[in-house]
Amino acid sequence: KPNRVRFAWTSEYSYTPGHKQTGVIWCDGESAWA
């Protein structure tokens, strides 16, 4: 709290095993990024 956040993920479809896509979003309390 109040707004410091990091959310990260890795996604994969079964029809393309091993091919992963990643992403992360974050906020330092003021600026947001992706």
PDB file of all heavy atoms in Angstrom:
ATOM      1  N   LYS A   1       0.833  -1.200   0.000  1.00  0.00           N
ATOM      2  CA  LYS A   1       0.000   0.000   0.000  1.00  0.00           C
ATOM      3  C   LYS A   1       0.860   1.240   0.000  1.00  0.00           C
ATOM      4  O   LYS A   1       1.912   1.230   0.604  1.00  0.00           O
ATOM      5  CB  LYS A   1      -0.915   0.008   1.234  1.00  0.00           C
ATOM      6  CG  LYS A   1      -2.313  -0.369   0.902  1.00  0.00           C
ATOM      7  CD  LYS A   1      -3.247  -0.172   2.056  1.00  0.00           C
ATOM      8  CE  LYS A   1      -4.618  -0.581   1.579  1.00  0.00           C
ATOM      9  NZ  LYS A   1      -5.607  -0.706   2.573  1.00  0.00           N
ATOM     10  N   PRO A   2       0.417   2.297  -0.666  1.00  0.00           N
ATOM     11  CA  PRO A   2      -0.887   2.412  -1.278  1.00  0.00           C
ATOM     12  C   PRO A   2      -0.935   1.875  -2.703  1.00  0.00           C
ATOM     13  O   PRO A   2      -1.905   1.239  -3.083  1.00  0.00           O
ATOM     14  CB  PRO A   2      -1.178   3.907  -1.236  1.00  0.00           C
ATOM     15  CG  PRO A   2       0.155   4.555  -1.311  1.00  0.00           C
ATOM     16  CD  PRO A   2       1.094   3.597  -0.600  1.00  0.00           C
ATOM     17  N   ASN A   3       0.065   2.105  -3.531  1.00  0.00           N
ATOM     18  CA  ASN A   3      -0.037   1.703  -4.939  1.00  0.00           C
ATOM     19  C   ASN A   3       1.269   1.156  -5.511  1.00  0.00           C
ATOM     20  O   ASN A   3       1.561   1.371  -6.683  1.00  0.00           O
ATOM     21  CB  ASN A   3      -0.517   2.884  -5.794  1.00  0.00           C
ATOM     22  CG  ASN A   3      -1.922   3.283  -5.460  1.00  0.00           C
ATOM     23  OD1 ASN A   3      -2.776   2.443  -5.205  1.00  0.00           O
ATOM     24  ND2 ASN A   3      -2.166   4.582  -5.438  1.00  0.00           N
ATOM     25  N   ARG A   4       2.034   0.481  -4.710  1.00  0.00           N
ATOM     26  CA  ARG A   4       3.247  -0.147  -5.235  1.00  0.00           C
ATOM     27  C   ARG A   4       2.887  -1.584  -5.602  1.00  0.00           C
ATOM     28  O   ARG A   4       2.516  -2.378  -4.745  1.00  0.00           O
ATOM     29  CB  ARG A   4       4.374  -0.092  -4.221  1.00  0.00           C
ATOM     30  CG  ARG A   4       4.809   1.364  -3.944  1.00  0.00           C
ATOM     31  CD  ARG A   4       5.877   1.443  -2.885  1.00  0.00           C
ATOM     32  NE  ARG A   4       7.056   0.672  -3.203  1.00  0.00           N
ATOM     33  CZ  ARG A   4       8.111   1.125  -3.880  1.00  0.00           C
ATOM     34  NH1 ARG A   4       8.138   2.360  -4.292  1.00  0.00           N
ATOM     35  NH2 ARG A   4       9.143   0.349  -4.116  1.00  0.00           N
ATOM     36  N   VAL A   5       2.993  -1.893  -6.898  1.00  0.00           N
ATOM     37  CA  VAL A   5       2.502  -3.166  -7.412  1.00  0.00           C
ATOM     38  C   VAL A   5       3.468  -3.723  -8.449  1.00  0.00           C
ATOM     39  O   VAL A   5       4.062  -2.974  -9.226  1.00  0.00           O
ATOM     40  CB  VAL A   5       1.127  -2.964  -8.095  1.00  0.00           C
ATOM     41  CG1 VAL A   5       0.686  -4.194  -8.838  1.00  0.00           C
ATOM     42  CG2 VAL A   5       0.085  -2.525  -7.107  1.00  0.00           C
ATOM     43  N   ARG A   6       3.593  -5.047  -8.445  1.00  0.00           N
ATOM     44  CA  ARG A   6       4.255  -5.763  -9.538  1.00  0.00           C
ATOM     45  C   ARG A   6       3.415  -7.000  -9.814  1.00  0.00           C
ATOM     46  O   ARG A   6       3.157  -7.796  -8.911  1.00  0.00           O
ATOM     47  CB  ARG A   6       5.669  -6.180  -9.163  1.00  0.00           C
ATOM     48  CG  ARG A   6       6.382  -6.912 -10.302  1.00  0.00           C
ATOM     49  CD  ARG A   6       7.789  -7.354  -9.860  1.00  0.00           C
ATOM     50  NE  ARG A   6       8.492  -7.995 -10.923  1.00  0.00           N
ATOM     51  CZ  ARG A   6       8.375  -9.292 -11.236  1.00  0.00           C
ATOM     52  NH1 ARG A   6       7.552 -10.067 -10.554  1.00  0.00           N
ATOM     53  NH2 ARG A   6       9.070  -9.801 -12.228  1.00  0.00           N
ATOM     54  N   PHE A   7       2.967  -7.136 -11.040  1.00  0.00           N
ATOM     55  CA  PHE A   7       2.201  -8.309 -11.457  1.00  0.00           C
ATOM     56  C   PHE A   7       2.874  -8.876 -12.699  1.00  0.00           C
ATOM     57  O   PHE A   7       2.988  -8.194 -13.715  1.00  0.00           O
ATOM     58  CB  PHE A   7       0.742  -7.945 -11.764  1.00  0.00           C
ATOM     59  CG  PHE A   7      -0.098  -9.141 -12.102  1.00  0.00           C
ATOM     60  CD1 PHE A   7      -0.698  -9.873 -11.097  1.00  0.00           C
ATOM     61  CD2 PHE A   7      -0.249  -9.544 -13.411  1.00  0.00           C
ATOM     62  CE1 PHE A   7      -1.446 -10.991 -11.406  1.00  0.00           C
ATOM     63  CE2 PHE A   7      -0.993 -10.659 -13.729  1.00  0.00           C
ATOM     64  CZ  PHE A   7      -1.594 -11.389 -12.725  1.00  0.00           C
ATOM     65  N   ALA A   8       3.354 -10.111 -12.619  1.00  0.00           N
ATOM     66  CA  ALA A   8       4.061 -10.746 -13.735  1.00  0.00           C
ATOM     67  C   ALA A   8       3.355 -12.044 -14.109  1.00  0.00           C
ATOM     68  O   ALA A   8       2.768 -12.706 -13.255  1.00  0.00           O
ATOM     69  CB  ALA A   8       5.506 -11.034 -13.348  1.00  0.00           C
ATOM     70  N   TRP A   9       3.434 -12.413 -15.377  1.00  0.00           N
ATOM     71  CA  TRP A   9       2.814 -13.662 -15.823  1.00  0.00           C
ATOM     72  C   TRP A   9       3.582 -14.262 -16.992  1.00  0.00           C
ATOM     73  O   TRP A   9       4.305 -13.582 -17.713  1.00  0.00           O
ATOM     74  CB  TRP A   9       1.351 -13.446 -16.197  1.00  0.00           C
ATOM     75  CG  TRP A   9       1.155 -12.644 -17.453  1.00  0.00           C
ATOM     76  CD1 TRP A   9       0.971 -13.119 -18.718  1.00  0.00           C
ATOM     77  CD2 TRP A   9       1.170 -11.219 -17.568  1.00  0.00           C
ATOM     78  NE1 TRP A   9       0.857 -12.076 -19.600  1.00  0.00           N
ATOM     79  CE2 TRP A   9       0.973 -10.905 -18.918  1.00  0.00           C
ATOM     80  CE3 TRP A   9       1.328 -10.177 -16.656  1.00  0.00           C
ATOM     81  CZ2 TRP A   9       0.932  -9.598 -19.391  1.00  0.00           C
ATOM     82  CZ3 TRP A   9       1.286  -8.883 -17.115  1.00  0.00           C
ATOM     83  CH2 TRP A   9       1.082  -8.604 -18.464  1.00  0.00           C
ATOM     84  N   THR A  10       3.405 -15.554 -17.138  1.00  0.00           N
ATOM     85  CA  THR A  10       3.934 -16.310 -18.265  1.00  0.00           C
ATOM     86  C   THR A  10       2.782 -17.124 -18.824  1.00  0.00           C
ATOM     87  O   THR A  10       2.091 -17.822 -18.084  1.00  0.00           O
ATOM     88  CB  THR A  10       5.065 -17.260 -17.821  1.00  0.00           C
ATOM     89  OG1 THR A  10       6.104 -16.486 -17.233  1.00  0.00           O
ATOM     90  CG2 THR A  10       5.614 -18.052 -18.996  1.00  0.00           C
ATOM     91  N   SER A  11       2.560 -17.028 -20.121  1.00  0.00           N
ATOM     92  CA  SER A  11       1.448 -17.747 -20.738  1.00  0.00           C
ATOM     93  C   SER A  11       1.961 -18.709 -21.805  1.00  0.00           C
ATOM     94  O   SER A  11       3.002 -18.484 -22.419  1.00  0.00           O
ATOM     95  CB  SER A  11       0.441 -16.769 -21.351  1.00  0.00           C
ATOM     96  OG  SER A  11       1.061 -15.981 -22.337  1.00  0.00           O
ATOM     97  N   GLU A  12       1.171 -19.778 -21.988  1.00  0.00           N
ATOM     98  CA  GLU A  12       1.545 -20.796 -22.968  1.00  0.00           C
ATOM     99  C   GLU A  12       0.278 -21.479 -23.475  1.00  0.00           C
ATOM    100  O   GLU A  12      -0.618 -21.809 -22.699  1.00  0.00           O
ATOM    101  CB  GLU A  12       2.463 -21.819 -22.306  1.00  0.00           C
ATOM    102  CG  GLU A  12       2.956 -22.908 -23.216  1.00  0.00           C
ATOM    103  CD  GLU A  12       3.941 -23.851 -22.521  1.00  0.00           C
ATOM    104  OE1 GLU A  12       4.024 -23.845 -21.276  1.00  0.00           O
ATOM    105  OE2 GLU A  12       4.615 -24.589 -23.233  1.00  0.00           O
ATOM    106  N   TYR A  13       0.206 -21.669 -24.790  1.00  0.00           N
ATOM    107  CA  TYR A  13      -0.877 -22.430 -25.408  1.00  0.00           C
ATOM    108  C   TYR A  13      -0.415 -23.870 -25.601  1.00  0.00           C
ATOM    109  O   TYR A  13       0.739 -24.111 -25.952  1.00  0.00           O
ATOM    110  CB  TYR A  13      -1.249 -21.865 -26.784  1.00  0.00           C
ATOM    111  CG  TYR A  13      -2.082 -20.620 -26.738  1.00  0.00           C
ATOM    112  CD1 TYR A  13      -1.505 -19.370 -26.905  1.00  0.00           C
ATOM    113  CD2 TYR A  13      -3.454 -20.687 -26.541  1.00  0.00           C
ATOM    114  CE1 TYR A  13      -2.272 -18.211 -26.883  1.00  0.00           C
ATOM    115  CE2 TYR A  13      -4.236 -19.540 -26.520  1.00  0.00           C
ATOM    116  CZ  TYR A  13      -3.630 -18.314 -26.687  1.00  0.00           C
ATOM    117  OH  TYR A  13      -4.391 -17.180 -26.652  1.00  0.00           O
ATOM    118  N   SER A  14      -1.322 -24.818 -25.420  1.00  0.00           N
ATOM    119  CA  SER A  14      -0.950 -26.227 -25.579  1.00  0.00           C
ATOM    120  C   SER A  14      -0.565 -26.567 -27.020  1.00  0.00           C
ATOM    121  O   SER A  14       0.203 -27.492 -27.247  1.00  0.00           O
ATOM    122  CB  SER A  14      -2.098 -27.134 -25.123  1.00  0.00           C
ATOM    123  OG  SER A  14      -3.260 -26.894 -25.895  1.00  0.00           O
ATOM    124  N   TYR A  15      -1.072 -25.818 -27.992  1.00  0.00           N
ATOM    125  CA  TYR A  15      -0.738 -26.135 -29.380  1.00  0.00           C
ATOM    126  C   TYR A  15       0.644 -25.611 -29.784  1.00  0.00           C
ATOM    127  O   TYR A  15       1.128 -25.915 -30.871  1.00  0.00           O
ATOM    128  CB  TYR A  15      -1.819 -25.659 -30.358  1.00  0.00           C
ATOM    129  CG  TYR A  15      -2.036 -24.163 -30.427  1.00  0.00           C
ATOM    130  CD1 TYR A  15      -1.217 -23.338 -31.197  1.00  0.00           C
ATOM    131  CD2 TYR A  15      -3.093 -23.575 -29.736  1.00  0.00           C
ATOM    132  CE1 TYR A  15      -1.425 -21.975 -31.256  1.00  0.00           C
ATOM    133  CE2 TYR A  15      -3.314 -22.214 -29.798  1.00  0.00           C
ATOM    134  CZ  TYR A  15      -2.478 -21.423 -30.554  1.00  0.00           C
ATOM    135  OH  TYR A  15      -2.696 -20.073 -30.608  1.00  0.00           O
ATOM    136  N   THR A  16       1.296 -24.841 -28.917  1.00  0.00           N
ATOM    137  CA  THR A  16       2.679 -24.404 -29.151  1.00  0.00           C
ATOM    138  C   THR A  16       3.504 -24.650 -27.889  1.00  0.00           C
ATOM    139  O   THR A  16       4.002 -23.705 -27.275  1.00  0.00           O
ATOM    140  CB  THR A  16       2.747 -22.913 -29.538  1.00  0.00           C
ATOM    141  OG1 THR A  16       2.107 -22.153 -28.515  1.00  0.00           O
ATOM    142  CG2 THR A  16       2.118 -22.641 -30.880  1.00  0.00           C
ATOM    143  N   PRO A  17       3.627 -25.920 -27.473  1.00  0.00           N
ATOM    144  CA  PRO A  17       4.339 -26.196 -26.218  1.00  0.00           C
ATOM    145  C   PRO A  17       5.767 -25.663 -26.267  1.00  0.00           C
ATOM    146  O   PRO A  17       6.448 -25.755 -27.288  1.00  0.00           O
ATOM    147  CB  PRO A  17       4.313 -27.715 -26.104  1.00  0.00           C
ATOM    148  CG  PRO A  17       3.785 -28.243 -27.382  1.00  0.00           C
ATOM    149  CD  PRO A  17       3.210 -27.109 -28.166  1.00  0.00           C
ATOM    150  N   GLY A  18       6.191 -25.091 -25.157  1.00  0.00           N
ATOM    151  CA  GLY A  18       7.536 -24.538 -25.059  1.00  0.00           C
ATOM    152  C   GLY A  18       7.634 -23.097 -25.508  1.00  0.00           C
ATOM    153  O   GLY A  18       8.585 -22.413 -25.181  1.00  0.00           O
ATOM    154  N   HIS A  19       6.653 -22.624 -26.266  1.00  0.00           N
ATOM    155  CA  HIS A  19       6.645 -21.232 -26.711  1.00  0.00           C
ATOM    156  C   HIS A  19       5.865 -20.413 -25.680  1.00  0.00           C
ATOM    157  O   HIS A  19       4.641 -20.478 -25.623  1.00  0.00           O
ATOM    158  CB  HIS A  19       6.012 -21.088 -28.090  1.00  0.00           C
ATOM    159  CG  HIS A  19       5.936 -19.672 -28.551  1.00  0.00           C
ATOM    160  ND1 HIS A  19       7.045 -18.969 -28.962  1.00  0.00           N
ATOM    161  CD2 HIS A  19       4.894 -18.809 -28.632  1.00  0.00           C
ATOM    162  CE1 HIS A  19       6.684 -17.733 -29.285  1.00  0.00           C
ATOM    163  NE2 HIS A  19       5.383 -17.616 -29.089  1.00  0.00           N
ATOM    164  N   LYS A  20       6.589 -19.691 -24.880  1.00  0.00           N
ATOM    165  CA  LYS A  20       5.958 -18.935 -23.801  1.00  0.00           C
ATOM    166  C   LYS A  20       6.066 -17.446 -24.069  1.00  0.00           C
ATOM    167  O   LYS A  20       7.030 -16.981 -24.661  1.00  0.00           O
ATOM    168  CB  LYS A  20       6.628 -19.267 -22.472  1.00  0.00           C
ATOM    169  CG  LYS A  20       6.476 -20.720 -22.095  1.00  0.00           C
ATOM    170  CD  LYS A  20       7.165 -21.048 -20.804  1.00  0.00           C
ATOM    171  CE  LYS A  20       6.982 -22.522 -20.497  1.00  0.00           C
ATOM    172  NZ  LYS A  20       7.615 -22.925 -19.267  1.00  0.00           N
ATOM    173  N   GLN A  21       5.045 -16.734 -23.611  1.00  0.00           N
ATOM    174  CA  GLN A  21       5.064 -15.281 -23.668  1.00  0.00           C
ATOM    175  C   GLN A  21       5.019 -14.772 -22.240  1.00  0.00           C
ATOM    176  O   GLN A  21       4.329 -15.339 -21.395  1.00  0.00           O
ATOM    177  CB  GLN A  21       3.886 -14.744 -24.469  1.00  0.00           C
ATOM    178  CG  GLN A  21       3.962 -15.128 -25.931  1.00  0.00           C
ATOM    179  CD  GLN A  21       2.818 -14.538 -26.729  1.00  0.00           C
ATOM    180  OE1 GLN A  21       1.839 -14.028 -26.197  1.00  0.00           O
ATOM    181  NE2 GLN A  21       2.943 -14.606 -28.035  1.00  0.00           N
ATOM    182  N   THR A  22       5.761 -13.721 -21.983  1.00  0.00           N
ATOM    183  CA  THR A  22       5.816 -13.171 -20.635  1.00  0.00           C
ATOM    184  C   THR A  22       5.391 -11.711 -20.651  1.00  0.00           C
ATOM    185  O   THR A  22       5.448 -11.035 -21.673  1.00  0.00           O
ATOM    186  CB  THR A  22       7.235 -13.271 -20.039  1.00  0.00           C
ATOM    187  OG1 THR A  22       8.127 -12.520 -20.866  1.00  0.00           O
ATOM    188  CG2 THR A  22       7.693 -14.713 -19.963  1.00  0.00           C
ATOM    189  N   GLY A  23       4.984 -11.263 -19.490  1.00  0.00           N
ATOM    190  CA  GLY A  23       4.623  -9.862 -19.333  1.00  0.00           C
ATOM    191  C   GLY A  23       4.734  -9.474 -17.877  1.00  0.00           C
ATOM    192  O   GLY A  23       4.689 -10.319 -16.981  1.00  0.00           O
ATOM    193  N   VAL A  24       4.911  -8.194 -17.665  1.00  0.00           N
ATOM    194  CA  VAL A  24       4.942  -7.663 -16.303  1.00  0.00           C
ATOM    195  C   VAL A  24       4.399  -6.242 -16.338  1.00  0.00           C
ATOM    196  O   VAL A  24       4.639  -5.501 -17.289  1.00  0.00           O
ATOM    197  CB  VAL A  24       6.363  -7.720 -15.695  1.00  0.00           C
ATOM    198  CG1 VAL A  24       7.347  -6.879 -16.482  1.00  0.00           C
ATOM    199  CG2 VAL A  24       6.359  -7.310 -14.235  1.00  0.00           C
ATOM    200  N   ILE A  25       3.595  -5.913 -15.340  1.00  0.00           N
ATOM    201  CA  ILE A  25       3.167  -4.534 -15.143  1.00  0.00           C
ATOM    202  C   ILE A  25       3.585  -4.147 -13.738  1.00  0.00           C
ATOM    203  O   ILE A  25       3.671  -4.995 -12.845  1.00  0.00           O
ATOM    204  CB  ILE A  25       1.648  -4.352 -15.337  1.00  0.00           C
ATOM    205  CG1 ILE A  25       0.841  -5.238 -14.392  1.00  0.00           C
ATOM    206  CG2 ILE A  25       1.263  -4.594 -16.789  1.00  0.00           C
ATOM    207  CD1 ILE A  25      -0.649  -4.986 -14.421  1.00  0.00           C
ATOM    208  N   TRP A  26       3.879  -2.868 -13.546  1.00  0.00           N
ATOM    209  CA  TRP A  26       4.281  -2.430 -12.224  1.00  0.00           C
ATOM    210  C   TRP A  26       4.003  -0.955 -12.056  1.00  0.00           C
ATOM    211  O   TRP A  26       3.810  -0.226 -13.023  1.00  0.00           O
ATOM    212  CB  TRP A  26       5.743  -2.756 -11.933  1.00  0.00           C
ATOM    213  CG  TRP A  26       6.752  -1.987 -12.738  1.00  0.00           C
ATOM    214  CD1 TRP A  26       7.405  -0.854 -12.361  1.00  0.00           C
ATOM    215  CD2 TRP A  26       7.239  -2.306 -14.048  1.00  0.00           C
ATOM    216  NE1 TRP A  26       8.268  -0.449 -13.362  1.00  0.00           N
ATOM    217  CE2 TRP A  26       8.182  -1.324 -14.404  1.00  0.00           C
ATOM    218  CE3 TRP A  26       6.957  -3.328 -14.961  1.00  0.00           C
ATOM    219  CZ2 TRP A  26       8.849  -1.343 -15.620  1.00  0.00           C
ATOM    220  CZ3 TRP A  26       7.624  -3.336 -16.173  1.00  0.00           C
ATOM    221  CH2 TRP A  26       8.556  -2.350 -16.482  1.00  0.00           C
ATOM    222  N   CYS A  27       3.949  -0.573 -10.793  1.00  0.00           N
ATOM    223  CA  CYS A  27       3.729   0.820 -10.437  1.00  0.00           C
ATOM    224  C   CYS A  27       4.565   1.106  -9.205  1.00  0.00           C
ATOM    225  O   CYS A  27       4.535   0.338  -8.235  1.00  0.00           O
ATOM    226  CB  CYS A  27       2.247   1.067 -10.156  1.00  0.00           C
ATOM    227  SG  CYS A  27       1.856   2.781  -9.723  1.00  0.00           S
ATOM    228  N   ASP A  28       5.313   2.195  -9.236  1.00  0.00           N
ATOM    229  CA  ASP A  28       6.160   2.584  -8.107  1.00  0.00           C
ATOM    230  C   ASP A  28       5.409   3.479  -7.120  1.00  0.00           C
ATOM    231  O   ASP A  28       5.995   4.065  -6.226  1.00  0.00           O
ATOM    232  CB  ASP A  28       7.422   3.284  -8.605  1.00  0.00           C
ATOM    233  CG  ASP A  28       7.136   4.555  -9.400  1.00  0.00           C
ATOM    234  OD1 ASP A  28       5.976   5.027  -9.410  1.00  0.00           O
ATOM    235  OD2 ASP A  28       8.077   5.076 -10.010  1.00  0.00           O
ATOM    236  N   GLY A  29       4.113   3.568  -7.289  1.00  0.00           N
ATOM    237  CA  GLY A  29       3.291   4.428  -6.454  1.00  0.00           C
ATOM    238  C   GLY A  29       2.842   5.661  -7.207  1.00  0.00           C
ATOM    239  O   GLY A  29       1.884   6.319  -6.813  1.00  0.00           O
ATOM    240  N   GLU A  30       3.553   5.983  -8.281  1.00  0.00           N
ATOM    241  CA  GLU A  30       3.196   7.146  -9.101  1.00  0.00           C
ATOM    242  C   GLU A  30       3.132   6.788 -10.579  1.00  0.00           C
ATOM    243  O   GLU A  30       2.129   7.011 -11.230  1.00  0.00           O
ATOM    244  CB  GLU A  30       4.197   8.271  -8.863  1.00  0.00           C
ATOM    245  CG  GLU A  30       4.148   8.819  -7.443  1.00  0.00           C
ATOM    246  CD  GLU A  30       5.162   9.922  -7.217  1.00  0.00           C
ATOM    247  OE1 GLU A  30       5.593  10.551  -8.203  1.00  0.00           O
ATOM    248  OE2 GLU A  30       5.502  10.155  -6.047  1.00  0.00           O
ATOM    249  N   SER A  31       4.211   6.237 -11.116  1.00  0.00           N
ATOM    250  CA  SER A  31       4.288   5.903 -12.539  1.00  0.00           C
ATOM    251  C   SER A  31       3.968   4.431 -12.756  1.00  0.00           C
ATOM    252  O   SER A  31       4.413   3.574 -12.001  1.00  0.00           O
ATOM    253  CB  SER A  31       5.688   6.178 -13.088  1.00  0.00           C
ATOM    254  OG  SER A  31       6.026   7.532 -12.911  1.00  0.00           O
ATOM    255  N   ALA A  32       3.203   4.154 -13.815  1.00  0.00           N
ATOM    256  CA  ALA A  32       2.859   2.775 -14.163  1.00  0.00           C
ATOM    257  C   ALA A  32       3.593   2.378 -15.440  1.00  0.00           C
ATOM    258  O   ALA A  32       3.791   3.209 -16.336  1.00  0.00           O
ATOM    259  CB  ALA A  32       1.355   2.647 -14.351  1.00  0.00           C
ATOM    260  N   TRP A  33       3.971   1.106 -15.503  1.00  0.00           N
ATOM    261  CA  TRP A  33       4.759   0.595 -16.612  1.00  0.00           C
ATOM    262  C   TRP A  33       4.271  -0.788 -17.019  1.00  0.00           C
ATOM    263  O   TRP A  33       3.639  -1.489 -16.245  1.00  0.00           O
ATOM    264  CB  TRP A  33       6.228   0.504 -16.204  1.00  0.00           C
ATOM    265  CG  TRP A  33       6.815   1.820 -15.842  1.00  0.00           C
ATOM    266  CD1 TRP A  33       6.720   2.469 -14.638  1.00  0.00           C
ATOM    267  CD2 TRP A  33       7.560   2.673 -16.691  1.00  0.00           C
ATOM    268  NE1 TRP A  33       7.371   3.675 -14.695  1.00  0.00           N
ATOM    269  CE2 TRP A  33       7.908   3.826 -15.942  1.00  0.00           C
ATOM    270  CE3 TRP A  33       7.984   2.577 -18.006  1.00  0.00           C
ATOM    271  CZ2 TRP A  33       8.644   4.862 -16.472  1.00  0.00           C
ATOM    272  CZ3 TRP A  33       8.732   3.619 -18.538  1.00  0.00           C
ATOM    273  CH2 TRP A  33       9.052   4.747 -17.775  1.00  0.00           C
ATOM    274  N   ALA A  34       4.635  -1.187 -18.242  1.00  0.00           N
ATOM    275  CA  ALA A  34       4.350  -2.532 -18.734  1.00  0.00           C
ATOM    276  C   ALA A  34       5.503  -2.977 -19.612  1.00  0.00           C
ATOM    277  O   ALA A  34       6.147  -2.157 -20.275  1.00  0.00           O
ATOM    278  CB  ALA A  34       3.051  -2.562 -19.522  1.00  0.00           C
TER     279      ALA A  34
END
